[in-house]
Amino acid sequence: MDKLLNAGAQALRKAALNQEAKDFLLGNEVLFKTVRKAADRYIGGETLAETTEKVAQENKNGFKCSIEFMGENVKSEEEANEATAEFVNICQAIIDKNLFSTVSLDLSHIGLGISRDLGANNLNKICVAAATGNIEVIISAEGTDQTDHVIETYKNASKSHDNLAITLQAYLHRTQDDFQELIKEPGRIRIVKGAFETAEGLSIPRGELLNDTYLGYVDRLLSAQHKCSIATHHHQIQQEVKKLIDQYKPEKSFYEFESLYGIQTQQLTALKDEGYVTKMYFVYGREWYLYLCNRIAEYPMNLFQALADIVGAE
C-alpha cells in the first residue's frame, strides 16, 4: 500500500507542474467550478475579501495567520506588476482590518524569472508597504533551479528591510550550506521539509533521516534564539519541537508552529491550546491547481476526500 501511495504522490506532483493541464482547467469554466469544490477545503477563496474574513475569524480563534496570493512563474512584466499590486493590497487590508497576519509570496510571481531587477524592485515595493503596518514578508521556497536567485535576492533585500523572512527546504543537501549563511541574517527562517520534485542526488527522501535533519535545523535556530517558523504537519516532529521550545525557552515572537489552512487543523489547535504560538497559512486566487495537487500529494488518500467534495457527499 505504501508503495502505491508513494507512486500516487509522485504522479500528483508531476501533474501539478503540467502547464497544459493547468491552462485547460483555467480555460474550461465548467471544469474549473467543478474541481474548485475540492480546492475550497484548502484555500481562503478566490478573492482577498473572502480570505480576510476567514483570517479575521481565525485571529478570533487565537491563531496568527499568513496570506498569500497564489501564483508563480509569470510570463510578462505586466503580470508581475499586477501581482505586486495585489500583495500591496494585502498589506493594506491587514492594516485596515487590524489583522494578525504576515504576507507570503513566491518571487517568481512578482517577476524574478523575467528579470532579477524586476523581482527585486517589486519585492522592495511590497516590503515598504508591509513596513507601514509592521508586517513580516515571507519569501517562499521554489524549485531548485531558482534557489540561488531566491537566496541572493533575499540577502540583498535584507540589507534594506528588517521585516523580511525566507523559507529553507530541509530535504535539499545544499541547505546545510545555505543555512550557515542565512542564520547570520536577522530575518526569520521558515523551515519546510520540501515538496518539489528534484533531480537525483539533490534531496533527502521522506523518512527518518529527513525528520532528523529537519529537527536539527530547528534545534540550531531555537538554541541560537533566531526567529523561526516550524512549518510542518508532522505530529511527531511537532512533539519533538515542543521539547526544544521548553528547553531553550525562546521569546514568543521568535517561533511559531505553522500549518496550512484545511490540513490537520486539530493538531495546530492542540498546540495553541497548550500555549504555543501557532499560525494558519491561507492562500487565495484562481491559481489553485498546483496547490491542490500538492495538498493531495502530501496524503494521496485525500483524493477520496476531493471526490467527495466535488460530488457533495458528506
Protein backbone atom coordinates (compact mmCIF):
# COMPACT_ATOMS: atom_id res chain seq x y z
CA MET A 1 0.00 0.00 0.00
CA ASP A 2 2.80 2.44 0.90
CA LYS A 3 4.46 1.83 -2.45
CA LEU A 4 1.19 2.59 -4.25
CA LEU A 5 0.60 5.75 -2.19
CA ASN A 6 4.13 6.99 -2.91
CA ALA A 7 3.63 6.36 -6.62
CA GLY A 8 0.36 8.30 -6.47
CA ALA A 9 2.03 11.19 -4.65
CA GLN A 10 4.78 11.40 -7.28
CA ALA A 11 2.20 11.36 -10.06
CA LEU A 12 0.26 14.20 -8.43
CA ARG A 13 3.40 16.32 -8.01
CA LYS A 14 4.19 15.84 -11.70
CA ALA A 15 0.60 16.71 -12.59
CA ALA A 16 0.96 19.90 -10.54
CA LEU A 17 3.75 21.03 -12.86
CA ASN A 18 1.82 20.23 -16.06
CA GLN A 19 1.22 23.66 -17.59
CA GLU A 20 -1.11 22.30 -20.29
CA ALA A 21 -3.38 20.71 -17.68
CA LYS A 22 -3.40 23.92 -15.67
CA ASP A 23 -4.21 26.04 -18.74
CA PHE A 24 -7.00 23.65 -19.75
CA LEU A 25 -8.53 23.83 -16.28
CA LEU A 26 -8.40 27.63 -16.19
CA GLY A 27 -9.89 27.83 -19.67
CA ASN A 28 -12.82 25.49 -19.01
CA GLU A 29 -15.26 27.27 -16.69
CA VAL A 30 -17.42 24.18 -16.03
CA LEU A 31 -14.41 22.03 -15.12
CA PHE A 32 -12.91 24.90 -13.11
CA LYS A 33 -16.06 25.32 -10.99
CA THR A 34 -16.34 21.55 -10.50
CA VAL A 35 -12.78 20.98 -9.29
CA ARG A 36 -12.87 24.24 -7.29
CA LYS A 37 -15.21 22.40 -4.88
CA ALA A 38 -12.25 20.22 -3.88
CA ALA A 39 -9.91 23.21 -3.65
CA ASP A 40 -12.26 25.12 -1.33
CA ARG A 41 -11.22 22.88 1.56
CA TYR A 42 -7.68 24.27 1.35
CA ILE A 43 -7.92 27.87 0.09
CA GLY A 44 -9.14 31.13 1.55
CA GLY A 45 -11.19 31.82 -1.57
CA GLU A 46 -10.72 33.43 -4.96
CA THR A 47 -10.65 36.98 -3.58
CA LEU A 48 -8.81 38.88 -0.88
CA ALA A 49 -12.12 39.90 0.70
CA GLU A 50 -13.17 36.24 1.12
CA THR A 51 -9.82 35.41 2.65
CA THR A 52 -9.61 38.30 5.11
CA GLU A 53 -12.99 37.26 6.51
CA LYS A 54 -11.58 33.80 7.30
CA VAL A 55 -8.35 35.28 8.65
CA ALA A 56 -10.30 37.59 10.96
CA GLN A 57 -12.22 34.59 12.29
CA GLU A 58 -9.09 32.54 12.88
CA ASN A 59 -7.50 35.52 14.65
CA LYS A 60 -10.50 35.47 16.98
CA ASN A 61 -9.87 31.75 17.46
CA GLY A 62 -6.35 32.59 18.64
CA PHE A 63 -4.31 31.88 15.52
CA LYS A 64 -1.75 34.10 13.87
CA CYS A 65 -2.15 33.87 10.08
CA SER A 66 -0.33 34.38 6.80
CA ILE A 67 -1.87 35.40 3.47
CA GLU A 68 -0.56 34.54 0.01
CA PHE A 69 -1.97 35.50 -3.38
CA MET A 70 -1.39 32.31 -5.37
CA GLY A 71 0.70 32.29 -8.50
CA GLU A 72 4.17 31.65 -9.83
CA ASN A 73 6.33 31.96 -12.95
CA VAL A 74 4.53 34.91 -14.52
CA LYS A 75 5.33 35.42 -18.19
CA SER A 76 5.28 39.21 -18.51
CA GLU A 77 6.29 42.33 -16.63
CA GLU A 78 2.64 43.41 -16.66
CA GLU A 79 1.58 40.22 -14.84
CA ALA A 80 4.41 40.65 -12.33
CA ASN A 81 3.39 44.23 -11.60
CA GLU A 82 -0.27 43.26 -11.25
CA ALA A 83 0.67 40.58 -8.72
CA THR A 84 2.84 43.08 -6.87
CA ALA A 85 -0.09 45.48 -6.64
CA GLU A 86 -2.21 42.70 -5.17
CA PHE A 87 0.40 41.96 -2.50
CA VAL A 88 0.43 45.66 -1.62
CA ASN A 89 -3.37 45.41 -1.33
CA ILE A 90 -2.92 42.51 1.09
CA CYS A 91 -0.67 44.66 3.27
CA GLN A 92 -3.24 47.46 3.27
CA ALA A 93 -6.08 45.05 4.09
CA ILE A 94 -4.13 43.66 7.05
CA ILE A 95 -3.61 47.19 8.33
CA ASP A 96 -7.18 48.38 7.67
CA LYS A 97 -8.79 45.32 9.27
CA ASN A 98 -6.23 45.13 12.09
CA LEU A 99 -5.42 41.51 11.28
CA PHE A 100 -2.67 39.50 12.97
CA SER A 101 -1.11 38.24 9.76
CA THR A 102 2.05 38.09 7.70
CA VAL A 103 2.36 38.09 3.89
CA SER A 104 3.90 35.22 1.93
CA LEU A 105 4.92 35.15 -1.73
CA ASP A 106 6.86 33.40 -4.49
CA LEU A 107 9.48 35.66 -6.04
CA SER A 108 8.69 34.19 -9.45
CA HIS A 109 5.15 35.54 -9.02
CA ILE A 110 6.47 39.10 -8.89
CA GLY A 111 8.88 38.78 -11.79
CA LEU A 112 12.13 37.18 -10.62
CA GLY A 113 12.03 34.68 -13.50
CA ILE A 114 11.72 37.50 -16.04
CA SER A 115 14.38 39.79 -14.60
CA ARG A 116 16.36 39.79 -11.36
CA ASP A 117 15.93 43.57 -11.16
CA LEU A 118 12.17 43.35 -11.74
CA GLY A 119 11.76 40.78 -8.96
CA ALA A 120 13.95 42.76 -6.58
CA ASN A 121 12.20 46.07 -7.29
CA ASN A 122 8.75 44.55 -6.79
CA LEU A 123 9.84 42.88 -3.57
CA ASN A 124 11.05 46.27 -2.36
CA LYS A 125 7.61 47.81 -3.04
CA ILE A 126 5.90 45.07 -1.03
CA CYS A 127 8.33 45.32 1.90
CA VAL A 128 7.86 49.10 2.05
CA ALA A 129 4.07 48.71 2.08
CA ALA A 130 4.29 46.00 4.74
CA ALA A 131 6.62 48.02 6.96
CA THR A 132 3.96 50.69 7.48
CA GLY A 133 1.97 48.09 9.43
CA ASN A 134 4.94 46.23 10.95
CA ILE A 135 4.03 43.25 8.75
CA GLU A 136 6.50 40.43 8.08
CA VAL A 137 7.02 39.40 4.44
CA ILE A 138 7.99 35.76 3.96
CA ILE A 139 9.65 34.55 0.77
CA SER A 140 8.53 31.02 -0.14
CA ALA A 141 10.76 28.26 -1.49
CA GLU A 142 10.66 27.39 -5.20
CA GLY A 143 12.22 24.76 -7.45
CA THR A 144 15.94 24.02 -7.28
CA ASP A 145 16.56 25.95 -10.50
CA GLN A 146 15.55 29.12 -8.61
CA THR A 147 17.18 28.54 -5.21
CA ASP A 148 20.35 30.57 -5.87
CA HIS A 149 18.35 33.52 -7.22
CA VAL A 150 15.86 33.42 -4.36
CA ILE A 151 18.56 33.41 -1.68
CA GLU A 152 20.60 36.13 -3.37
CA THR A 153 17.51 38.35 -3.72
CA TYR A 154 16.65 37.80 -0.05
CA LYS A 155 20.15 38.63 1.18
CA ASN A 156 20.29 41.80 -0.89
CA ALA A 157 16.81 42.95 0.17
CA SER A 158 17.54 42.20 3.83
CA LYS A 159 20.11 44.99 3.80
CA SER A 160 17.26 47.48 3.43
CA HIS A 161 14.32 45.68 5.07
CA ASP A 162 14.21 44.14 8.53
CA ASN A 163 10.69 42.73 8.01
CA LEU A 164 11.80 40.08 5.51
CA ALA A 165 11.94 36.31 6.09
CA ILE A 166 12.91 33.31 3.96
CA THR A 167 11.98 29.65 3.57
CA LEU A 168 14.53 26.83 3.53
CA GLN A 169 13.81 23.27 2.44
CA ALA A 170 15.25 20.69 4.81
CA TYR A 171 15.36 17.93 2.18
CA LEU A 172 17.91 19.68 -0.05
CA HIS A 173 21.51 18.65 0.59
CA ARG A 174 22.63 22.19 -0.22
CA THR A 175 20.55 23.61 2.65
CA GLN A 176 23.27 22.76 5.18
CA ASP A 177 25.49 25.36 3.47
CA ASP A 178 22.69 27.87 2.81
CA PHE A 179 21.65 27.61 6.45
CA GLN A 180 25.14 28.54 7.65
CA GLU A 181 24.92 31.78 5.67
CA LEU A 182 21.31 32.68 6.35
CA ILE A 183 21.40 32.20 10.11
CA LYS A 184 23.73 35.21 10.11
CA GLU A 185 20.86 37.32 8.76
CA PRO A 186 18.33 38.65 11.30
CA GLY A 187 15.22 37.65 9.31
CA ARG A 188 13.04 34.73 10.33
CA ILE A 189 13.90 31.37 8.76
CA ARG A 190 10.91 29.23 7.87
CA ILE A 191 11.76 25.52 7.73
CA VAL A 192 9.76 23.20 5.49
CA LYS A 193 10.53 19.63 4.51
CA GLY A 194 10.31 20.36 0.76
CA ALA A 195 7.68 19.31 -1.77
CA PHE A 196 9.20 19.86 -5.22
CA GLU A 197 10.45 17.07 -7.46
CA THR A 198 14.26 17.20 -7.67
CA ALA A 199 16.92 15.62 -9.82
CA GLU A 200 18.51 12.51 -8.35
CA GLY A 201 21.07 13.22 -5.66
CA LEU A 202 19.84 16.71 -4.75
CA SER A 203 17.50 15.83 -1.90
CA ILE A 204 16.88 13.52 1.04
CA PRO A 205 13.88 11.19 0.58
CA ARG A 206 11.00 11.25 3.06
CA GLY A 207 11.74 9.21 6.14
CA GLU A 208 13.60 9.24 9.44
CA LEU A 209 16.75 10.88 8.04
CA LEU A 210 14.74 13.83 6.73
CA ASN A 211 12.81 14.09 10.00
CA ASP A 212 16.08 14.19 11.97
CA THR A 213 17.56 16.73 9.54
CA TYR A 214 14.51 18.96 9.91
CA LEU A 215 14.70 18.81 13.69
CA GLY A 216 18.41 19.58 13.53
CA TYR A 217 17.75 22.88 11.77
CA VAL A 218 15.01 23.82 14.24
CA ASP A 219 17.28 22.93 17.17
CA ARG A 220 20.01 25.21 15.85
CA LEU A 221 17.58 28.07 15.30
CA LEU A 222 15.95 27.82 18.72
CA SER A 223 19.25 27.38 20.57
CA ALA A 224 20.59 30.50 18.81
CA GLN A 225 17.42 32.44 19.71
CA HIS A 226 16.91 33.06 15.99
CA LYS A 227 13.42 33.74 14.67
CA CYS A 228 11.94 30.66 13.01
CA SER A 229 8.77 29.09 11.67
CA ILE A 230 8.22 25.36 12.13
CA ALA A 231 6.14 24.71 9.01
CA THR A 232 5.13 21.06 9.15
CA HIS A 233 2.08 18.91 9.78
CA HIS A 234 4.20 16.01 11.03
CA HIS A 235 2.85 15.24 14.50
CA GLN A 236 5.98 13.60 15.88
CA ILE A 237 8.18 16.48 14.72
CA GLN A 238 5.80 18.93 16.39
CA GLN A 239 6.07 16.97 19.64
CA GLU A 240 9.88 16.96 19.48
CA VAL A 241 9.95 20.71 18.76
CA LYS A 242 7.81 21.28 21.86
CA LYS A 243 10.61 19.72 23.90
CA LEU A 244 13.15 22.05 22.26
CA ILE A 245 10.97 25.10 22.97
CA ASP A 246 10.60 24.03 26.60
CA GLN A 247 14.37 23.55 26.76
CA TYR A 248 15.52 26.82 25.12
CA LYS A 249 12.54 28.98 26.18
CA PRO A 250 12.62 31.39 23.21
CA GLU A 251 10.60 34.59 23.26
CA LYS A 252 7.07 34.05 21.93
CA SER A 253 7.77 36.27 18.91
CA PHE A 254 10.78 34.15 17.95
CA TYR A 255 8.98 30.96 16.97
CA GLU A 256 5.70 29.74 15.52
CA PHE A 257 4.18 26.40 14.59
CA GLU A 258 2.69 26.78 11.12
CA SER A 259 0.08 24.69 9.30
CA LEU A 260 -1.77 25.17 6.05
CA TYR A 261 -5.45 26.07 6.28
CA GLY A 262 -7.58 22.93 5.99
CA ILE A 263 -4.76 20.50 6.81
CA GLN A 264 -4.74 18.70 10.19
CA THR A 265 -6.12 21.78 11.92
CA GLN A 266 -6.81 19.74 15.05
CA GLN A 267 -3.07 19.36 15.66
CA LEU A 268 -2.49 23.11 15.38
CA THR A 269 -5.45 23.76 17.67
CA ALA A 270 -3.98 21.42 20.28
CA LEU A 271 -0.66 23.28 20.15
CA LYS A 272 -2.46 26.61 20.51
CA ASP A 273 -4.44 25.33 23.47
CA GLU A 274 -1.18 24.26 25.11
CA GLY A 275 0.07 27.84 24.88
CA TYR A 276 2.42 27.61 21.88
CA VAL A 277 2.44 30.26 19.15
CA THR A 278 0.53 28.95 16.12
CA LYS A 279 -0.01 30.24 12.61
CA MET A 280 -2.53 29.30 9.93
CA TYR A 281 -1.39 29.78 6.32
CA PHE A 282 -4.02 30.99 3.84
CA VAL A 283 -3.76 31.16 0.07
CA TYR A 284 -6.28 32.65 -2.33
CA GLY A 285 -6.85 33.33 -6.04
CA ARG A 286 -7.63 31.33 -9.16
CA GLU A 287 -4.19 29.73 -9.45
CA TRP A 288 -5.04 26.88 -7.09
CA TYR A 289 -4.37 23.95 -9.46
CA LEU A 290 -0.76 23.36 -8.39
CA TYR A 291 -1.66 23.98 -4.75
CA LEU A 292 -4.49 21.44 -4.79
CA CYS A 293 -2.32 18.77 -6.45
CA ASN A 294 0.41 19.25 -3.86
CA ARG A 295 -2.03 19.11 -0.94
CA ILE A 296 -3.43 15.79 -2.16
CA ALA A 297 0.08 14.51 -2.96
CA GLU A 298 1.07 15.00 0.69
CA TYR A 299 -1.52 12.38 1.59
CA PRO A 300 -2.88 10.69 -1.55
CA MET A 301 -5.83 9.21 0.33
CA ASN A 302 -7.15 12.81 0.31
CA LEU A 303 -8.05 12.13 -3.31
CA PHE A 304 -11.16 10.37 -2.00
CA GLN A 305 -11.98 13.43 0.11
CA ALA A 306 -11.57 15.57 -3.01
CA LEU A 307 -14.01 13.36 -4.91
CA ALA A 308 -16.49 13.57 -2.03
CA ASP A 309 -16.18 17.37 -2.01
CA ILE A 310 -16.80 17.54 -5.76
CA VAL A 311 -19.97 15.43 -5.67
CA GLY A 312 -21.17 16.97 -2.43
CA ALA A 313 -21.02 13.80 -0.35
CA GLU A 314 -20.92 14.13 3.42
